C-alpha cells in the first residue's frame, strides 16, 4: 500500500478517489470489518490514560488471548493502534489521527 489515509484522501463525496487513496481506505476499513476488532479499537481508544494492557482485553471481548492477539495484530498492521512491549505484557494505544481520518471519510458520505 502506498498511501496513508492520514496524509491523503479526498473526501469521498468530493469526487472520485485516486487508486492509492481507495486502497489505503479499504485496508483500514477491512481491518475494522470484524466486530471483535471494532470493539477492541473502541476499548483501546476509550481506555483510561489512553492505553490498555493486552492482559485486560480477553475478558472484555469474551475471546481467548491468542484470538485477541491476532485481532490486535491486524489493527497494528492497519496503523490504527500502536503496540509497546513492557516486560511480559504488550500495551496498546489508538492512533487518533488514523481513527479521525476514517471518521472524516465516513462523515462525508452521510
N, C-alpha and C. Protein backbone atom coordinates (compact mmCIF):
# COMPACT_ATOMS: atom_id res chain seq x y z
N UNK A 1 0.85 -1.16 0.00
CA UNK A 1 0.00 0.00 0.00
C UNK A 1 0.90 1.23 0.00
N UNK A 2 0.56 2.19 -0.84
CA UNK A 2 1.42 3.35 -0.97
C UNK A 2 0.89 4.59 -0.28
N UNK A 3 -0.38 4.61 0.05
CA UNK A 3 -0.97 5.82 0.62
C UNK A 3 -1.34 5.60 2.07
N UNK A 4 -1.31 6.67 2.83
CA UNK A 4 -1.70 6.67 4.23
C UNK A 4 -2.91 7.59 4.36
N UNK A 5 -4.05 7.09 4.85
CA UNK A 5 -5.24 7.92 4.91
C UNK A 5 -5.07 9.18 5.75
N UNK A 6 -4.09 9.25 6.64
CA UNK A 6 -3.90 10.46 7.42
C UNK A 6 -3.25 11.55 6.60
N UNK A 7 -2.66 11.19 5.47
CA UNK A 7 -1.96 12.18 4.65
C UNK A 7 -2.62 12.36 3.29
N UNK A 8 -3.80 11.78 3.12
CA UNK A 8 -4.38 11.81 1.78
C UNK A 8 -5.88 11.89 1.85
N UNK A 9 -6.42 11.40 0.86
CA UNK A 9 -7.81 11.05 0.75
C UNK A 9 -8.75 12.23 0.65
N UNK A 10 -9.07 12.54 -0.57
CA UNK A 10 -10.12 13.49 -0.86
C UNK A 10 -11.40 12.95 -0.25
N UNK A 11 -12.22 13.82 0.35
CA UNK A 11 -13.49 13.32 0.86
C UNK A 11 -14.24 12.56 -0.24
N UNK A 12 -14.86 11.47 0.14
CA UNK A 12 -15.49 10.57 -0.81
C UNK A 12 -16.49 11.29 -1.72
N UNK A 13 -17.25 12.20 -1.19
CA UNK A 13 -18.27 12.89 -1.98
C UNK A 13 -17.70 14.03 -2.82
N UNK A 14 -16.43 14.34 -2.67
CA UNK A 14 -15.83 15.45 -3.41
C UNK A 14 -15.40 15.05 -4.81
N UNK A 15 -15.44 13.78 -5.11
CA UNK A 15 -15.04 13.31 -6.43
C UNK A 15 -14.51 11.90 -6.33
N UNK A 16 -14.11 11.39 -7.46
CA UNK A 16 -13.60 10.02 -7.50
C UNK A 16 -12.29 9.92 -6.72
N UNK A 17 -12.16 8.88 -5.93
CA UNK A 17 -10.93 8.63 -5.19
C UNK A 17 -9.83 8.18 -6.15
N UNK A 18 -8.62 8.55 -5.84
CA UNK A 18 -7.47 8.02 -6.55
C UNK A 18 -7.29 6.57 -6.12
N UNK A 19 -6.64 5.78 -6.95
CA UNK A 19 -6.45 4.36 -6.67
C UNK A 19 -5.74 4.16 -5.33
N UNK A 20 -4.65 4.88 -5.09
CA UNK A 20 -3.91 4.72 -3.83
C UNK A 20 -4.76 5.08 -2.62
N UNK A 21 -5.55 6.15 -2.75
CA UNK A 21 -6.43 6.55 -1.65
C UNK A 21 -7.46 5.47 -1.36
N UNK A 22 -8.06 4.93 -2.41
CA UNK A 22 -9.07 3.89 -2.24
C UNK A 22 -8.47 2.65 -1.60
N UNK A 23 -7.26 2.27 -2.02
CA UNK A 23 -6.61 1.09 -1.45
C UNK A 23 -6.29 1.30 0.02
N UNK A 24 -5.80 2.48 0.38
CA UNK A 24 -5.46 2.77 1.78
C UNK A 24 -6.71 2.76 2.65
N UNK A 25 -7.76 3.39 2.17
CA UNK A 25 -9.00 3.41 2.94
C UNK A 25 -9.61 2.01 3.06
N UNK A 26 -9.59 1.27 1.98
CA UNK A 26 -10.15 -0.09 2.01
C UNK A 26 -9.41 -0.97 3.00
N UNK A 27 -8.08 -0.84 3.06
CA UNK A 27 -7.30 -1.64 4.01
C UNK A 27 -7.68 -1.29 5.45
N UNK A 28 -7.86 -0.02 5.72
CA UNK A 28 -8.25 0.39 7.08
C UNK A 28 -9.65 -0.10 7.42
N UNK A 29 -10.57 0.08 6.50
CA UNK A 29 -11.94 -0.37 6.76
C UNK A 29 -12.02 -1.90 6.83
N UNK A 30 -11.19 -2.58 6.06
CA UNK A 30 -11.17 -4.05 6.13
C UNK A 30 -10.74 -4.50 7.52
N UNK A 31 -9.76 -3.81 8.09
CA UNK A 31 -9.31 -4.15 9.44
C UNK A 31 -10.44 -3.98 10.45
N UNK A 32 -11.33 -3.05 10.19
CA UNK A 32 -12.44 -2.79 11.11
C UNK A 32 -13.70 -3.57 10.77
N UNK A 33 -13.64 -4.39 9.73
CA UNK A 33 -14.85 -5.09 9.29
C UNK A 33 -15.23 -6.26 10.20
N UNK A 34 -14.38 -6.60 11.13
CA UNK A 34 -14.68 -7.67 12.09
C UNK A 34 -15.21 -7.04 13.37
N UNK A 35 -16.34 -7.52 13.90
CA UNK A 35 -16.91 -6.92 15.11
C UNK A 35 -15.98 -6.96 16.32
N UNK A 36 -15.18 -8.00 16.45
CA UNK A 36 -14.25 -8.07 17.58
C UNK A 36 -13.18 -6.98 17.44
N UNK A 37 -12.65 -6.79 16.24
CA UNK A 37 -11.65 -5.74 16.05
C UNK A 37 -12.24 -4.36 16.27
N UNK A 38 -13.46 -4.16 15.82
CA UNK A 38 -14.11 -2.87 16.04
C UNK A 38 -14.29 -2.61 17.52
N UNK A 39 -14.70 -3.63 18.26
CA UNK A 39 -14.84 -3.49 19.72
C UNK A 39 -13.48 -3.24 20.38
N UNK A 40 -12.46 -3.99 19.95
CA UNK A 40 -11.13 -3.79 20.53
C UNK A 40 -10.65 -2.36 20.30
N UNK A 41 -10.83 -1.85 19.10
CA UNK A 41 -10.41 -0.47 18.84
C UNK A 41 -11.15 0.50 19.74
N UNK A 42 -12.45 0.30 19.90
CA UNK A 42 -13.21 1.21 20.76
C UNK A 42 -12.77 1.11 22.21
N UNK A 43 -12.45 -0.09 22.67
CA UNK A 43 -11.97 -0.28 24.05
C UNK A 43 -10.62 0.38 24.24
N UNK A 44 -9.71 0.16 23.30
CA UNK A 44 -8.37 0.76 23.39
C UNK A 44 -8.49 2.28 23.35
N UNK A 45 -9.30 2.81 22.45
CA UNK A 45 -9.44 4.26 22.32
C UNK A 45 -10.05 4.90 23.56
N UNK A 46 -10.92 4.17 24.25
CA UNK A 46 -11.60 4.71 25.43
C UNK A 46 -10.87 4.41 26.73
N UNK A 47 -9.76 3.71 26.68
CA UNK A 47 -9.05 3.28 27.89
C UNK A 47 -8.57 4.47 28.71
N UNK A 48 -8.66 4.31 30.01
CA UNK A 48 -8.15 5.33 30.93
C UNK A 48 -6.67 5.53 30.67
N UNK A 49 -6.24 6.75 30.61
CA UNK A 49 -4.83 7.04 30.35
C UNK A 49 -4.43 6.84 28.90
N UNK A 50 -5.40 6.47 28.05
CA UNK A 50 -5.14 6.34 26.63
C UNK A 50 -4.46 5.05 26.21
N UNK A 51 -4.30 4.12 27.14
CA UNK A 51 -3.67 2.85 26.79
C UNK A 51 -4.23 1.74 27.65
N UNK A 52 -4.06 0.50 27.16
CA UNK A 52 -4.56 -0.65 27.90
C UNK A 52 -3.62 -1.83 27.68
N UNK A 53 -3.50 -2.65 28.69
CA UNK A 53 -2.67 -3.84 28.63
C UNK A 53 -3.44 -4.96 27.94
N UNK A 54 -2.73 -5.71 27.12
CA UNK A 54 -3.36 -6.84 26.44
C UNK A 54 -3.96 -7.83 27.43
N UNK A 55 -3.40 -7.88 28.62
CA UNK A 55 -3.90 -8.82 29.63
C UNK A 55 -5.33 -8.52 30.05
N UNK A 56 -5.78 -7.29 29.86
CA UNK A 56 -7.14 -6.91 30.26
C UNK A 56 -8.18 -7.17 29.17
N UNK A 57 -7.74 -7.38 27.95
CA UNK A 57 -8.67 -7.40 26.82
C UNK A 57 -9.47 -8.70 26.62
N UNK A 58 -8.92 -9.88 26.84
CA UNK A 58 -9.71 -11.09 26.58
C UNK A 58 -11.05 -11.11 27.33
N UNK A 59 -11.04 -10.73 28.58
CA UNK A 59 -12.29 -10.73 29.36
C UNK A 59 -13.28 -9.69 28.85
N UNK A 60 -12.76 -8.60 28.32
CA UNK A 60 -13.64 -7.53 27.85
C UNK A 60 -14.35 -7.86 26.54
N UNK A 61 -13.76 -8.75 25.74
CA UNK A 61 -14.39 -9.12 24.46
C UNK A 61 -14.80 -10.59 24.43
N UNK A 62 -14.64 -11.28 25.55
CA UNK A 62 -15.01 -12.68 25.68
C UNK A 62 -14.38 -13.55 24.59
N UNK A 63 -13.06 -13.37 24.43
CA UNK A 63 -12.29 -14.16 23.47
C UNK A 63 -11.01 -14.61 24.15
N UNK A 64 -10.37 -15.64 23.59
CA UNK A 64 -9.13 -16.15 24.16
C UNK A 64 -7.98 -15.18 23.88
N UNK A 65 -6.93 -15.33 24.67
CA UNK A 65 -5.74 -14.47 24.49
C UNK A 65 -5.17 -14.58 23.07
N UNK A 66 -5.01 -15.78 22.50
CA UNK A 66 -4.48 -15.86 21.14
C UNK A 66 -5.38 -15.16 20.11
N UNK A 67 -6.69 -15.26 20.28
CA UNK A 67 -7.61 -14.60 19.36
C UNK A 67 -7.49 -13.09 19.47
N UNK A 68 -7.44 -12.59 20.69
CA UNK A 68 -7.28 -11.15 20.91
C UNK A 68 -5.96 -10.67 20.31
N UNK A 69 -4.90 -11.42 20.52
CA UNK A 69 -3.59 -11.04 19.97
C UNK A 69 -3.63 -10.98 18.45
N UNK A 70 -4.30 -11.94 17.83
CA UNK A 70 -4.43 -11.92 16.37
C UNK A 70 -5.15 -10.66 15.91
N UNK A 71 -6.28 -10.36 16.52
CA UNK A 71 -7.05 -9.19 16.12
C UNK A 71 -6.27 -7.89 16.35
N UNK A 72 -5.54 -7.83 17.45
CA UNK A 72 -4.72 -6.64 17.71
C UNK A 72 -3.61 -6.50 16.67
N UNK A 73 -3.05 -7.61 16.24
CA UNK A 73 -2.01 -7.56 15.20
C UNK A 73 -2.56 -6.97 13.91
N UNK A 74 -3.78 -7.33 13.57
CA UNK A 74 -4.43 -6.77 12.37
C UNK A 74 -4.59 -5.26 12.53
N UNK A 75 -5.02 -4.83 13.71
CA UNK A 75 -5.19 -3.39 13.95
C UNK A 75 -3.86 -2.64 13.93
N UNK A 76 -2.82 -3.27 14.45
CA UNK A 76 -1.48 -2.67 14.41
C UNK A 76 -1.01 -2.56 12.96
N UNK A 77 -1.16 -3.64 12.20
CA UNK A 77 -0.74 -3.64 10.79
C UNK A 77 -1.47 -2.57 9.98
N UNK A 78 -2.72 -2.30 10.35
CA UNK A 78 -3.51 -1.28 9.66
C UNK A 78 -3.16 0.13 10.14
N UNK A 79 -2.32 0.23 11.17
CA UNK A 79 -1.92 1.54 11.68
C UNK A 79 -2.96 2.20 12.57
N UNK A 80 -3.93 1.43 13.04
CA UNK A 80 -4.99 2.01 13.86
C UNK A 80 -4.65 2.01 15.35
N UNK A 81 -3.78 1.11 15.76
CA UNK A 81 -3.29 1.09 17.14
C UNK A 81 -1.78 0.87 17.12
N UNK A 82 -1.13 1.28 18.20
CA UNK A 82 0.30 1.01 18.36
C UNK A 82 0.47 0.04 19.51
N UNK A 83 1.58 -0.66 19.48
CA UNK A 83 1.89 -1.67 20.49
C UNK A 83 3.23 -1.34 21.11
N UNK A 84 3.29 -1.39 22.44
CA UNK A 84 4.55 -1.18 23.16
C UNK A 84 4.74 -2.34 24.13
N UNK A 85 5.85 -3.02 23.99
CA UNK A 85 6.14 -4.14 24.89
C UNK A 85 6.75 -3.60 26.17
N UNK A 86 6.19 -3.99 27.31
CA UNK A 86 6.72 -3.61 28.62
C UNK A 86 6.86 -4.89 29.43
N UNK A 87 8.07 -5.38 29.46
CA UNK A 87 8.29 -6.64 30.16
C UNK A 87 7.51 -7.75 29.48
N UNK A 88 6.69 -8.43 30.24
CA UNK A 88 5.92 -9.57 29.73
C UNK A 88 4.69 -9.16 28.93
N UNK A 89 4.18 -7.95 29.15
CA UNK A 89 2.91 -7.55 28.57
C UNK A 89 3.07 -6.49 27.48
N UNK A 90 2.15 -6.53 26.54
CA UNK A 90 2.07 -5.51 25.50
C UNK A 90 0.97 -4.52 25.87
N UNK A 91 1.24 -3.27 25.60
CA UNK A 91 0.28 -2.19 25.86
C UNK A 91 -0.11 -1.58 24.53
N UNK A 92 -1.38 -1.22 24.39
CA UNK A 92 -1.90 -0.72 23.13
C UNK A 92 -2.51 0.66 23.30
N UNK A 93 -2.32 1.48 22.27
CA UNK A 93 -2.88 2.82 22.19
C UNK A 93 -3.52 3.00 20.82
N UNK A 94 -4.63 3.68 20.76
CA UNK A 94 -5.22 4.04 19.47
C UNK A 94 -4.37 5.14 18.84
N UNK A 95 -4.37 5.20 17.53
CA UNK A 95 -3.68 6.26 16.79
C UNK A 95 -4.77 7.26 16.40
N UNK A 96 -4.93 8.34 17.18
CA UNK A 96 -6.06 9.25 16.99
C UNK A 96 -6.17 9.81 15.57
N UNK A 97 -5.04 10.14 14.95
CA UNK A 97 -5.11 10.73 13.62
C UNK A 97 -5.68 9.75 12.60
N UNK A 98 -5.34 8.47 12.75
CA UNK A 98 -5.86 7.46 11.82
C UNK A 98 -7.35 7.24 12.04
N UNK A 99 -7.76 7.14 13.29
CA UNK A 99 -9.17 6.95 13.60
C UNK A 99 -9.97 8.16 13.13
N UNK A 100 -9.45 9.34 13.35
CA UNK A 100 -10.11 10.56 12.91
C UNK A 100 -10.22 10.63 11.39
N UNK A 101 -9.19 10.20 10.68
CA UNK A 101 -9.24 10.26 9.23
C UNK A 101 -10.35 9.36 8.68
N UNK A 102 -10.55 8.19 9.30
CA UNK A 102 -11.63 7.31 8.88
C UNK A 102 -12.99 7.91 9.23
N UNK A 103 -13.08 8.51 10.40
CA UNK A 103 -14.32 9.17 10.79
C UNK A 103 -14.66 10.28 9.81
N UNK A 104 -13.67 11.05 9.42
CA UNK A 104 -13.89 12.16 8.49
C UNK A 104 -14.37 11.66 7.13
N UNK A 105 -13.81 10.57 6.66
CA UNK A 105 -14.25 10.00 5.38
C UNK A 105 -15.70 9.56 5.49
N UNK A 106 -16.05 8.89 6.59
CA UNK A 106 -17.44 8.45 6.76
C UNK A 106 -18.39 9.62 6.88
N UNK A 107 -17.95 10.71 7.50
CA UNK A 107 -18.80 11.88 7.67
C UNK A 107 -19.15 12.50 6.32
N UNK A 108 -18.28 12.36 5.34
CA UNK A 108 -18.57 12.95 4.03
C UNK A 108 -19.60 12.14 3.27
N UNK A 109 -19.79 10.88 3.67
CA UNK A 109 -20.74 10.03 2.98
C UNK A 109 -22.15 10.25 3.49
N UNK A 110 -22.26 10.45 4.81
CA UNK A 110 -23.58 10.55 5.42
C UNK A 110 -23.99 11.94 5.56
